[in-house]
Protein backbone atom coordinates (compact mmCIF):
# COMPACT_ATOMS: atom_id res chain seq x y z
CA UNK A 1 -2.15 -10.37 9.16
CA UNK A 2 1.59 -10.67 8.70
CA UNK A 3 2.67 -10.06 5.14
CA UNK A 4 6.23 -10.80 4.12
CA UNK A 5 7.14 -9.06 0.86
CA UNK A 6 9.52 -10.14 -1.91
CA UNK A 7 10.34 -13.79 -1.14
CA UNK A 8 9.24 -16.74 0.94
CA UNK A 9 10.92 -17.43 4.26
CA UNK A 10 11.30 -20.63 6.26
CA UNK A 11 9.09 -20.70 9.40
CA UNK A 12 12.05 -20.38 11.81
CA UNK A 13 12.90 -17.09 10.19
CA UNK A 14 9.47 -15.68 11.04
CA UNK A 15 10.20 -16.17 14.73
CA UNK A 16 13.52 -14.38 14.42
CA UNK A 17 11.88 -11.65 12.36
CA UNK A 18 9.17 -11.00 14.96
CA UNK A 19 11.81 -10.61 17.66
CA UNK A 20 13.95 -8.40 15.45
CA UNK A 21 13.89 -4.61 15.61
CA UNK A 22 13.21 -4.26 11.88
CA UNK A 23 9.74 -3.46 10.67
CA UNK A 24 8.57 -6.04 8.17
CA UNK A 25 7.84 -3.18 5.76
CA UNK A 26 11.31 -1.67 6.02
CA UNK A 27 12.50 -0.98 2.50
CA UNK A 28 16.03 -2.33 2.95
CA UNK A 29 15.95 -5.70 4.68
CA UNK A 30 13.84 -7.94 2.35
CA UNK A 31 16.42 -8.02 -0.44
CA UNK A 32 19.23 -8.56 2.06
CA UNK A 33 17.45 -11.46 3.75
CA UNK A 34 16.51 -13.05 0.44
CA UNK A 35 20.16 -12.86 -0.58
CA UNK A 36 21.24 -14.51 2.69
CA UNK A 37 18.73 -17.31 2.17
CA UNK A 38 19.82 -17.77 -1.44
CA UNK A 39 16.42 -16.80 -2.80
CA UNK A 40 15.68 -14.56 -5.72
CA UNK A 41 14.21 -11.14 -4.97
CA UNK A 42 10.84 -10.77 -6.68
CA UNK A 43 10.22 -7.36 -8.21
CA UNK A 44 6.60 -6.33 -7.81
CA UNK A 45 4.76 -4.45 -10.53
CA UNK A 46 2.70 -1.33 -9.88
CA UNK A 47 -0.42 -3.35 -10.61
CA UNK A 48 0.50 -5.79 -7.82
CA UNK A 49 1.06 -2.95 -5.34
CA UNK A 50 -2.23 -1.28 -6.29
CA UNK A 51 -4.11 -4.58 -6.23
CA UNK A 52 -2.83 -5.47 -2.77
CA UNK A 53 -3.58 -2.02 -1.36
CA UNK A 54 -7.03 -1.95 -2.99
CA UNK A 55 -7.93 -5.27 -1.39
CA UNK A 56 -6.61 -4.01 1.94
CA UNK A 57 -8.77 -0.88 1.67
CA UNK A 58 -11.81 -3.00 0.81
CA UNK A 59 -11.21 -5.03 3.98
CA UNK A 60 -11.17 -1.80 6.00
CA UNK A 61 -14.14 -0.22 4.20
CA UNK A 62 -16.72 -2.57 2.65
CA UNK A 63 -18.87 0.47 1.72
CA UNK A 64 -16.56 1.23 -1.20
CA UNK A 65 -16.89 -0.39 -4.58
CA UNK A 66 -13.74 -1.94 -6.05
CA UNK A 67 -13.32 0.89 -8.59
CA UNK A 68 -13.67 3.53 -5.87
CA UNK A 69 -11.13 1.75 -3.66
CA UNK A 70 -8.70 1.46 -6.57
CA UNK A 71 -9.15 5.18 -7.32
CA UNK A 72 -8.45 6.06 -3.68
CA UNK A 73 -5.32 3.91 -3.61
CA UNK A 74 -3.98 5.49 -6.79
CA UNK A 75 -4.73 9.01 -5.53
CA UNK A 76 -3.11 8.38 -2.15
CA UNK A 77 -0.07 6.81 -3.83
CA UNK A 78 0.32 9.73 -6.22
CA UNK A 79 -0.23 12.28 -3.46
CA UNK A 80 2.50 10.82 -1.26
CA UNK A 81 5.08 10.46 -4.03
CA UNK A 82 4.41 13.98 -5.32
CA UNK A 83 4.54 15.59 -1.89
CA UNK A 84 7.67 13.65 -0.94
CA UNK A 85 9.43 14.73 -4.14
CA UNK A 86 8.37 18.38 -3.80
CA UNK A 87 9.79 18.41 -0.29
CA UNK A 88 13.17 17.58 -1.82
CA UNK A 89 13.53 14.06 -0.43
CA UNK A 90 15.38 11.41 -2.36
CA UNK A 91 13.17 8.68 -3.83
CA UNK A 92 13.20 5.65 -1.51
CA UNK A 93 11.22 3.20 -3.56
CA UNK A 94 7.79 1.71 -3.86
CA UNK A 95 8.10 -0.10 -0.54
CA UNK A 96 8.13 3.18 1.38
CA UNK A 97 5.18 4.52 -0.58
CA UNK A 98 3.25 1.31 0.08
CA UNK A 99 4.04 1.55 3.77
CA UNK A 100 2.76 5.13 3.99
CA UNK A 101 -0.40 4.44 1.95
CA UNK A 102 -1.09 1.40 4.15
CA UNK A 103 -0.75 3.61 7.25
CA UNK A 104 -3.19 6.12 5.74
CA UNK A 105 -5.63 3.32 4.98
CA UNK A 106 -5.32 2.09 8.57
CA UNK A 107 -6.04 5.59 9.84
CA UNK A 108 -8.63 6.90 7.37
CA UNK A 109 -9.76 3.93 5.28
CA UNK A 110 -12.93 3.16 7.22
CA UNK A 111 -14.36 6.63 6.53
CA UNK A 112 -13.17 7.34 2.98
CA UNK A 113 -16.65 6.64 1.58
CA UNK A 114 -17.90 9.72 3.49
CA UNK A 115 -15.50 12.06 1.70
CA UNK A 116 -17.05 14.52 -0.77
CA UNK A 117 -14.88 16.73 -2.90
CA UNK A 118 -15.58 19.98 -4.68
CA UNK A 119 -12.35 19.77 -6.65
CA UNK A 120 -13.41 19.29 -10.29
CA UNK A 121 -10.27 17.24 -10.96
CA UNK A 122 -11.46 14.47 -8.61
CA UNK A 123 -15.19 15.11 -8.26
CA UNK A 124 -16.20 12.79 -11.11
CA UNK A 125 -14.07 9.99 -9.62
CA UNK A 126 -15.01 10.15 -5.95
CA UNK A 127 -18.57 11.48 -5.72
CA UNK A 128 -20.21 8.81 -7.89
CA UNK A 129 -22.66 6.33 -6.40
CA UNK A 130 -23.16 4.16 -9.48
CA UNK A 131 -20.11 1.92 -9.05
CA UNK A 132 -21.01 -1.77 -8.91
CA UNK A 133 -20.40 -3.24 -5.46
CA UNK A 134 -17.91 -6.09 -5.13
C-alpha cells in the first residue's frame, strides 16, 4: 500500500515519485513538493501517527487487541526517540520516528504477541490476556 503523507498529489506526480530516488517516507521532500504544488502542508498530531501505526500493526498481527497494539506502538516510538537522543543525534522529526517504527513493525510485528516480559515497568501492559479483541 502506497501512503503519501502530508498532502494530496495529482496522479501524474505518483508516477514521477515512483521513478524518483526519494523514499516516500523521506522526512524532507513532502513539504517541498507540497510547496511546489501550491498545497498546504498538513501537520499531523501524535494521535494520528499512533493511530496509523496501530492500525498498521493490527494488519500485520491480528492476534493483538487494539489496546495491546497501541501500547506496542507507543513503546516502540518512545524507545527509538530515547535511544536516538541518548546517542547524541539531532532530532529529525516525527517522520523519521514513524519510518523506523514502521520498519520494526514490518520486521517483528507478526510475532509481538509472543513476547513476554519480566520487566515490572511493562509487565502489566504486555502480558495481559484480557484485552477485548477488535
